[in-house]
Amino acid sequence: MKTCMAVTVERNLFNLIERLRGREKRSTFVEYLLRLGLEVYKTQISNGGQAPKGTPFSQTVRSEAEEPRRILRRKLRRQ
């Protein structure tokens, strides 16, 4: 069973999601990104890291924050 959740995001983040998702439904793609992000977060916490307090997640886990840019570059090259 699914639950509806409203989320407000920055316009740049929304545009990035739109470009990366291709023909995938937005909700399916965002759910996938949330699952990936939660796995990274759990791994970070289990390795002795601390939960971010007021720090944007992208600043806490830099390598994963760069991944959307790499995906976008590859996708744009193919087009």
PDB file of N, CA and C in Angstrom:
ATOM      1  N   MET A   1       0.836  -1.179   0.000  1.00  0.00           N
ATOM      2  CA  MET A   1       0.000   0.000   0.000  1.00  0.00           C
ATOM      3  C   MET A   1       0.880   1.241   0.000  1.00  0.00           C
ATOM      4  N   LYS A   2       0.547   2.188  -0.804  1.00  0.00           N
ATOM      5  CA  LYS A   2       1.332   3.420  -0.911  1.00  0.00           C
ATOM      6  C   LYS A   2       0.631   4.545  -0.169  1.00  0.00           C
ATOM      7  N   THR A   3       1.432   5.537   0.219  1.00  0.00           N
ATOM      8  CA  THR A   3       0.930   6.729   0.903  1.00  0.00           C
ATOM      9  C   THR A   3       1.376   7.947   0.118  1.00  0.00           C
ATOM     10  N   CYS A   4       0.505   8.909  -0.004  1.00  0.00           N
ATOM     11  CA  CYS A   4       0.833  10.144  -0.705  1.00  0.00           C
ATOM     12  C   CYS A   4       1.588  11.079   0.243  1.00  0.00           C
ATOM     13  N   MET A   5       2.664  11.707  -0.274  1.00  0.00           N
ATOM     14  CA  MET A   5       3.467  12.611   0.533  1.00  0.00           C
ATOM     15  C   MET A   5       3.820  13.822  -0.324  1.00  0.00           C
ATOM     16  N   ALA A   6       3.559  15.005   0.167  1.00  0.00           N
ATOM     17  CA  ALA A   6       3.917  16.224  -0.558  1.00  0.00           C
ATOM     18  C   ALA A   6       5.282  16.699  -0.068  1.00  0.00           C
ATOM     19  N   VAL A   7       6.141  17.073  -1.021  1.00  0.00           N
ATOM     20  CA  VAL A   7       7.488  17.520  -0.696  1.00  0.00           C
ATOM     21  C   VAL A   7       7.775  18.791  -1.478  1.00  0.00           C
ATOM     22  N   THR A   8       8.358  19.766  -0.821  1.00  0.00           N
ATOM     23  CA  THR A   8       8.761  20.996  -1.480  1.00  0.00           C
ATOM     24  C   THR A   8      10.266  20.939  -1.698  1.00  0.00           C
ATOM     25  N   VAL A   9      10.715  21.163  -2.933  1.00  0.00           N
ATOM     26  CA  VAL A   9      12.144  21.120  -3.259  1.00  0.00           C
ATOM     27  C   VAL A   9      12.521  22.384  -4.023  1.00  0.00           C
ATOM     28  N   GLU A  10      13.818  22.674  -4.032  1.00  0.00           N
ATOM     29  CA  GLU A  10      14.314  23.807  -4.796  1.00  0.00           C
ATOM     30  C   GLU A  10      14.060  23.572  -6.282  1.00  0.00           C
ATOM     31  N   ARG A  11      13.885  24.638  -7.020  1.00  0.00           N
ATOM     32  CA  ARG A  11      13.593  24.553  -8.446  1.00  0.00           C
ATOM     33  C   ARG A  11      14.720  23.823  -9.194  1.00  0.00           C
ATOM     34  N   ASN A  12      15.986  24.091  -8.829  1.00  0.00           N
ATOM     35  CA  ASN A  12      17.107  23.428  -9.506  1.00  0.00           C
ATOM     36  C   ASN A  12      17.071  21.919  -9.290  1.00  0.00           C
ATOM     37  N   LEU A  13      16.731  21.492  -8.082  1.00  0.00           N
ATOM     38  CA  LEU A  13      16.633  20.067  -7.797  1.00  0.00           C
ATOM     39  C   LEU A  13      15.492  19.440  -8.596  1.00  0.00           C
ATOM     40  N   PHE A  14      14.376  20.115  -8.670  1.00  0.00           N
ATOM     41  CA  PHE A  14      13.241  19.634  -9.451  1.00  0.00           C
ATOM     42  C   PHE A  14      13.626  19.468 -10.925  1.00  0.00           C
ATOM     43  N   ASN A  15      14.304  20.482 -11.472  1.00  0.00           N
ATOM     44  CA  ASN A  15      14.719  20.424 -12.875  1.00  0.00           C
ATOM     45  C   ASN A  15      15.695  19.276 -13.120  1.00  0.00           C
ATOM     46  N   LEU A  16      16.605  19.043 -12.173  1.00  0.00           N
ATOM     47  CA  LEU A  16      17.556  17.946 -12.299  1.00  0.00           C
ATOM     48  C   LEU A  16      16.832  16.602 -12.302  1.00  0.00           C
ATOM     49  N   ILE A  17      15.880  16.439 -11.408  1.00  0.00           N
ATOM     50  CA  ILE A  17      15.082  15.209 -11.362  1.00  0.00           C
ATOM     51  C   ILE A  17      14.343  15.016 -12.683  1.00  0.00           C
ATOM     52  N   GLU A  18      13.772  16.075 -13.201  1.00  0.00           N
ATOM     53  CA  GLU A  18      13.034  15.988 -14.464  1.00  0.00           C
ATOM     54  C   GLU A  18      13.935  15.541 -15.607  1.00  0.00           C
ATOM     55  N   ARG A  19      15.160  16.074 -15.659  1.00  0.00           N
ATOM     56  CA  ARG A  19      16.084  15.700 -16.741  1.00  0.00           C
ATOM     57  C   ARG A  19      16.568  14.274 -16.590  1.00  0.00           C
ATOM     58  N   LEU A  20      16.845  13.853 -15.358  1.00  0.00           N
ATOM     59  CA  LEU A  20      17.424  12.526 -15.138  1.00  0.00           C
ATOM     60  C   LEU A  20      16.416  11.394 -15.273  1.00  0.00           C
ATOM     61  N   ARG A  21      15.172  11.650 -14.971  1.00  0.00           N
ATOM     62  CA  ARG A  21      14.204  10.556 -14.908  1.00  0.00           C
ATOM     63  C   ARG A  21      13.813  10.014 -16.274  1.00  0.00           C
ATOM     64  N   GLY A  22      14.021  10.780 -17.312  1.00  0.00           N
ATOM     65  CA  GLY A  22      13.660  10.309 -18.654  1.00  0.00           C
ATOM     66  C   GLY A  22      12.175  10.036 -18.748  1.00  0.00           C
ATOM     67  N   ARG A  23      11.809   8.811 -19.168  1.00  0.00           N
ATOM     68  CA  ARG A  23      10.400   8.463 -19.338  1.00  0.00           C
ATOM     69  C   ARG A  23       9.799   7.821 -18.106  1.00  0.00           C
ATOM     70  N   GLU A  24      10.624   7.637 -17.077  1.00  0.00           N
ATOM     71  CA  GLU A  24      10.151   7.050 -15.818  1.00  0.00           C
ATOM     72  C   GLU A  24       9.161   7.998 -15.147  1.00  0.00           C
ATOM     73  N   LYS A  25       8.152   7.435 -14.491  1.00  0.00           N
ATOM     74  CA  LYS A  25       7.212   8.281 -13.746  1.00  0.00           C
ATOM     75  C   LYS A  25       7.970   9.011 -12.652  1.00  0.00           C
ATOM     76  N   ARG A  26       7.634  10.284 -12.439  1.00  0.00           N
ATOM     77  CA  ARG A  26       8.319  11.094 -11.434  1.00  0.00           C
ATOM     78  C   ARG A  26       8.252  10.440 -10.053  1.00  0.00           C
ATOM     79  N   SER A  27       7.096   9.973  -9.656  1.00  0.00           N
ATOM     80  CA  SER A  27       6.953   9.391  -8.313  1.00  0.00           C
ATOM     81  C   SER A  27       7.816   8.142  -8.152  1.00  0.00           C
ATOM     82  N   THR A  28       7.883   7.323  -9.184  1.00  0.00           N
ATOM     83  CA  THR A  28       8.708   6.113  -9.133  1.00  0.00           C
ATOM     84  C   THR A  28      10.183   6.472  -9.030  1.00  0.00           C
ATOM     85  N   PHE A  29      10.611   7.466  -9.809  1.00  0.00           N
ATOM     86  CA  PHE A  29      12.008   7.883  -9.812  1.00  0.00           C
ATOM     87  C   PHE A  29      12.397   8.503  -8.470  1.00  0.00           C
ATOM     88  N   VAL A  30      11.549   9.357  -7.921  1.00  0.00           N
ATOM     89  CA  VAL A  30      11.844   9.993  -6.635  1.00  0.00           C
ATOM     90  C   VAL A  30      11.871   8.943  -5.529  1.00  0.00           C
ATOM     91  N   GLU A  31      10.986   7.973  -5.584  1.00  0.00           N
ATOM     92  CA  GLU A  31      11.002   6.892  -4.593  1.00  0.00           C
ATOM     93  C   GLU A  31      12.323   6.127  -4.679  1.00  0.00           C
ATOM     94  N   TYR A  32      12.793   5.869  -5.887  1.00  0.00           N
ATOM     95  CA  TYR A  32      14.078   5.196  -6.088  1.00  0.00           C
ATOM     96  C   TYR A  32      15.222   6.021  -5.474  1.00  0.00           C
ATOM     97  N   LEU A  33      15.221   7.337  -5.740  1.00  0.00           N
ATOM     98  CA  LEU A  33      16.259   8.208  -5.182  1.00  0.00           C
ATOM     99  C   LEU A  33      16.210   8.235  -3.655  1.00  0.00           C
ATOM    100  N   LEU A  34      15.014   8.239  -3.089  1.00  0.00           N
ATOM    101  CA  LEU A  34      14.883   8.211  -1.636  1.00  0.00           C
ATOM    102  C   LEU A  34      15.459   6.925  -1.055  1.00  0.00           C
ATOM    103  N   ARG A  35      15.176   5.805  -1.714  1.00  0.00           N
ATOM    104  CA  ARG A  35      15.719   4.523  -1.239  1.00  0.00           C
ATOM    105  C   ARG A  35      17.248   4.522  -1.292  1.00  0.00           C
ATOM    106  N   LEU A  36      17.810   5.024  -2.398  1.00  0.00           N
ATOM    107  CA  LEU A  36      19.269   5.111  -2.510  1.00  0.00           C
ATOM    108  C   LEU A  36      19.853   6.001  -1.414  1.00  0.00           C
ATOM    109  N   GLY A  37      19.253   7.163  -1.235  1.00  0.00           N
ATOM    110  CA  GLY A  37      19.730   8.102  -0.224  1.00  0.00           C
ATOM    111  C   GLY A  37      19.649   7.533   1.177  1.00  0.00           C
ATOM    112  N   LEU A  38      18.588   6.803   1.477  1.00  0.00           N
ATOM    113  CA  LEU A  38      18.444   6.201   2.803  1.00  0.00           C
ATOM    114  C   LEU A  38      19.474   5.103   3.029  1.00  0.00           C
ATOM    115  N   GLU A  39      19.806   4.345   1.987  1.00  0.00           N
ATOM    116  CA  GLU A  39      20.846   3.320   2.117  1.00  0.00           C
ATOM    117  C   GLU A  39      22.200   3.958   2.413  1.00  0.00           C
ATOM    118  N   VAL A  40      22.515   5.044   1.711  1.00  0.00           N
ATOM    119  CA  VAL A  40      23.769   5.762   1.961  1.00  0.00           C
ATOM    120  C   VAL A  40      23.771   6.317   3.384  1.00  0.00           C
ATOM    121  N   TYR A  41      22.670   6.873   3.779  1.00  0.00           N
ATOM    122  CA  TYR A  41      22.534   7.445   5.126  1.00  0.00           C
ATOM    123  C   TYR A  41      22.731   6.362   6.193  1.00  0.00           C
ATOM    124  N   LYS A  42      22.077   5.214   6.022  1.00  0.00           N
ATOM    125  CA  LYS A  42      22.221   4.117   6.992  1.00  0.00           C
ATOM    126  C   LYS A  42      23.661   3.629   7.054  1.00  0.00           C
ATOM    127  N   THR A  43      24.302   3.528   5.901  1.00  0.00           N
ATOM    128  CA  THR A  43      25.699   3.093   5.854  1.00  0.00           C
ATOM    129  C   THR A  43      26.587   4.082   6.592  1.00  0.00           C
ATOM    130  N   GLN A  44      26.356   5.356   6.366  1.00  0.00           N
ATOM    131  CA  GLN A  44      27.153   6.394   7.016  1.00  0.00           C
ATOM    132  C   GLN A  44      26.990   6.322   8.536  1.00  0.00           C
ATOM    133  N   ILE A  45      25.766   6.153   9.007  1.00  0.00           N
ATOM    134  CA  ILE A  45      25.501   6.092  10.445  1.00  0.00           C
ATOM    135  C   ILE A  45      26.114   4.827  11.042  1.00  0.00           C
ATOM    136  N   SER A  46      25.988   3.704  10.340  1.00  0.00           N
ATOM    137  CA  SER A  46      26.513   2.447  10.875  1.00  0.00           C
ATOM    138  C   SER A  46      28.044   2.431  10.904  1.00  0.00           C
ATOM    139  N   ASN A  47      28.689   3.274  10.095  1.00  0.00           N
ATOM    140  CA  ASN A  47      30.152   3.364  10.093  1.00  0.00           C
ATOM    141  C   ASN A  47      30.670   4.396  11.084  1.00  0.00           C
ATOM    142  N   GLY A  48      29.833   4.800  12.010  1.00  0.00           N
ATOM    143  CA  GLY A  48      30.266   5.731  13.049  1.00  0.00           C
ATOM    144  C   GLY A  48      30.050   7.186  12.735  1.00  0.00           C
ATOM    145  N   GLY A  49      29.473   7.477  11.590  1.00  0.00           N
ATOM    146  CA  GLY A  49      29.180   8.868  11.257  1.00  0.00           C
ATOM    147  C   GLY A  49      28.005   9.376  12.078  1.00  0.00           C
ATOM    148  N   GLN A  50      27.817  10.668  12.066  1.00  0.00           N
ATOM    149  CA  GLN A  50      26.701  11.260  12.803  1.00  0.00           C
ATOM    150  C   GLN A  50      25.626  11.709  11.826  1.00  0.00           C
ATOM    151  N   ALA A  51      24.411  11.693  12.315  1.00  0.00           N
ATOM    152  CA  ALA A  51      23.303  12.204  11.512  1.00  0.00           C
ATOM    153  C   ALA A  51      23.503  13.708  11.337  1.00  0.00           C
ATOM    154  N   PRO A  52      23.293  14.224  10.136  1.00  0.00           N
ATOM    155  CA  PRO A  52      23.450  15.664   9.924  1.00  0.00           C
ATOM    156  C   PRO A  52      22.443  16.453  10.736  1.00  0.00           C
ATOM    157  N   LYS A  53      22.911  17.512  11.358  1.00  0.00           N
ATOM    158  CA  LYS A  53      22.025  18.378  12.141  1.00  0.00           C
ATOM    159  C   LYS A  53      22.072  19.767  11.520  1.00  0.00           C
ATOM    160  N   GLY A  54      21.106  20.058  10.695  1.00  0.00           N
ATOM    161  CA  GLY A  54      21.052  21.366  10.052  1.00  0.00           C
ATOM    162  C   GLY A  54      21.977  21.485   8.846  1.00  0.00           C
ATOM    163  N   THR A  55      22.730  20.448   8.536  1.00  0.00           N
ATOM    164  CA  THR A  55      23.630  20.460   7.390  1.00  0.00           C
ATOM    165  C   THR A  55      22.938  19.762   6.231  1.00  0.00           C
ATOM    166  N   PRO A  56      22.914  20.379   5.055  1.00  0.00           N
ATOM    167  CA  PRO A  56      22.324  19.696   3.913  1.00  0.00           C
ATOM    168  C   PRO A  56      23.002  18.348   3.688  1.00  0.00           C
ATOM    169  N   PHE A  57      22.198  17.353   3.389  1.00  0.00           N
ATOM    170  CA  PHE A  57      22.705  15.996   3.216  1.00  0.00           C
ATOM    171  C   PHE A  57      23.799  15.940   2.158  1.00  0.00           C
ATOM    172  N   SER A  58      23.662  16.740   1.102  1.00  0.00           N
ATOM    173  CA  SER A  58      24.648  16.716   0.020  1.00  0.00           C
ATOM    174  C   SER A  58      26.026  17.151   0.503  1.00  0.00           C
ATOM    175  N   GLN A  59      26.097  17.958   1.568  1.00  0.00           N
ATOM    176  CA  GLN A  59      27.394  18.364   2.104  1.00  0.00           C
ATOM    177  C   GLN A  59      27.973  17.279   3.001  1.00  0.00           C
ATOM    178  N   THR A  60      27.133  16.422   3.532  1.00  0.00           N
ATOM    179  CA  THR A  60      27.590  15.361   4.423  1.00  0.00           C
ATOM    180  C   THR A  60      28.170  14.198   3.637  1.00  0.00           C
ATOM    181  N   VAL A  61      27.559  13.853   2.510  1.00  0.00           N
ATOM    182  CA  VAL A  61      27.994  12.713   1.698  1.00  0.00           C
ATOM    183  C   VAL A  61      28.299  13.240   0.304  1.00  0.00           C
ATOM    184  N   ARG A  62      29.483  13.764   0.114  1.00  0.00           N
ATOM    185  CA  ARG A  62      29.828  14.456  -1.129  1.00  0.00           C
ATOM    186  C   ARG A  62      29.857  13.547  -2.356  1.00  0.00           C
ATOM    187  N   SER A  63      30.433  12.377  -2.270  1.00  0.00           N
ATOM    188  CA  SER A  63      30.580  11.545  -3.471  1.00  0.00           C
ATOM    189  C   SER A  63      29.231  11.175  -4.060  1.00  0.00           C
ATOM    190  N   GLU A  64      28.260  10.854  -3.229  1.00  0.00           N
ATOM    191  CA  GLU A  64      26.936  10.513  -3.728  1.00  0.00           C
ATOM    192  C   GLU A  64      26.206  11.748  -4.246  1.00  0.00           C
ATOM    193  N   ALA A  65      26.514  12.910  -3.694  1.00  0.00           N
ATOM    194  CA  ALA A  65      25.877  14.140  -4.160  1.00  0.00           C
ATOM    195  C   ALA A  65      26.341  14.486  -5.570  1.00  0.00           C
ATOM    196  N   GLU A  66      27.541  14.061  -5.951  1.00  0.00           N
ATOM    197  CA  GLU A  66      28.065  14.324  -7.275  1.00  0.00           C
ATOM    198  C   GLU A  66      27.472  13.390  -8.328  1.00  0.00           C
ATOM    199  N   GLU A  67      26.966  12.239  -7.918  1.00  0.00           N
ATOM    200  CA  GLU A  67      26.485  11.228  -8.853  1.00  0.00           C
ATOM    201  C   GLU A  67      25.447  11.755  -9.850  1.00  0.00           C
ATOM    202  N   PRO A  68      24.423  12.531  -9.420  1.00  0.00           N
ATOM    203  CA  PRO A  68      23.445  13.014 -10.411  1.00  0.00           C
ATOM    204  C   PRO A  68      24.091  13.826 -11.528  1.00  0.00           C
ATOM    205  N   ARG A  69      25.139  14.570 -11.216  1.00  0.00           N
ATOM    206  CA  ARG A  69      25.812  15.357 -12.254  1.00  0.00           C
ATOM    207  C   ARG A  69      26.472  14.444 -13.280  1.00  0.00           C
ATOM    208  N   ARG A  70      27.104  13.353 -12.811  1.00  0.00           N
ATOM    209  CA  ARG A  70      27.746  12.421 -13.732  1.00  0.00           C
ATOM    210  C   ARG A  70      26.704  11.744 -14.615  1.00  0.00           C
ATOM    211  N   ILE A  71      25.591  11.343 -14.023  1.00  0.00           N
ATOM    212  CA  ILE A  71      24.520  10.699 -14.786  1.00  0.00           C
ATOM    213  C   ILE A  71      23.988  11.666 -15.832  1.00  0.00           C
ATOM    214  N   LEU A  72      23.769  12.905 -15.427  1.00  0.00           N
ATOM    215  CA  LEU A  72      23.227  13.909 -16.335  1.00  0.00           C
ATOM    216  C   LEU A  72      24.185  14.140 -17.498  1.00  0.00           C
ATOM    217  N   ARG A  73      25.476  14.245 -17.231  1.00  0.00           N
ATOM    218  CA  ARG A  73      26.440  14.463 -18.312  1.00  0.00           C
ATOM    219  C   ARG A  73      26.400  13.326 -19.315  1.00  0.00           C
ATOM    220  N   ARG A  74      26.355  12.072 -18.816  1.00  0.00           N
ATOM    221  CA  ARG A  74      26.294  10.921 -19.712  1.00  0.00           C
ATOM    222  C   ARG A  74      25.032  10.956 -20.544  1.00  0.00           C
ATOM    223  N   LYS A  75      23.905  11.288 -19.901  1.00  0.00           N
ATOM    224  CA  LYS A  75      22.626  11.306 -20.607  1.00  0.00           C
ATOM    225  C   LYS A  75      22.615  12.378 -21.686  1.00  0.00           C
ATOM    226  N   LEU A  76      23.151  13.551 -21.373  1.00  0.00           N
ATOM    227  CA  LEU A  76      23.155  14.641 -22.337  1.00  0.00           C
ATOM    228  C   LEU A  76      24.082  14.331 -23.519  1.00  0.00           C
ATOM    229  N   ARG A  77      25.184  13.612 -23.258  1.00  0.00           N
ATOM    230  CA  ARG A  77      26.085  13.241 -24.349  1.00  0.00           C
ATOM    231  C   ARG A  77      25.405  12.294 -25.324  1.00  0.00           C
ATOM    232  N   ARG A  78      24.575  11.405 -24.813  1.00  0.00           N
ATOM    233  CA  ARG A  78      23.894  10.410 -25.667  1.00  0.00           C
ATOM    234  C   ARG A  78      22.878  11.064 -26.582  1.00  0.00           C
ATOM    235  N   GLN A  79      22.327  12.182 -26.172  1.00  0.00           N
ATOM    236  CA  GLN A  79      21.248  12.807 -26.950  1.00  0.00           C
ATOM    237  C   GLN A  79      21.745  13.573 -28.124  1.00  0.00           C
TER     238      GLN A  79
END
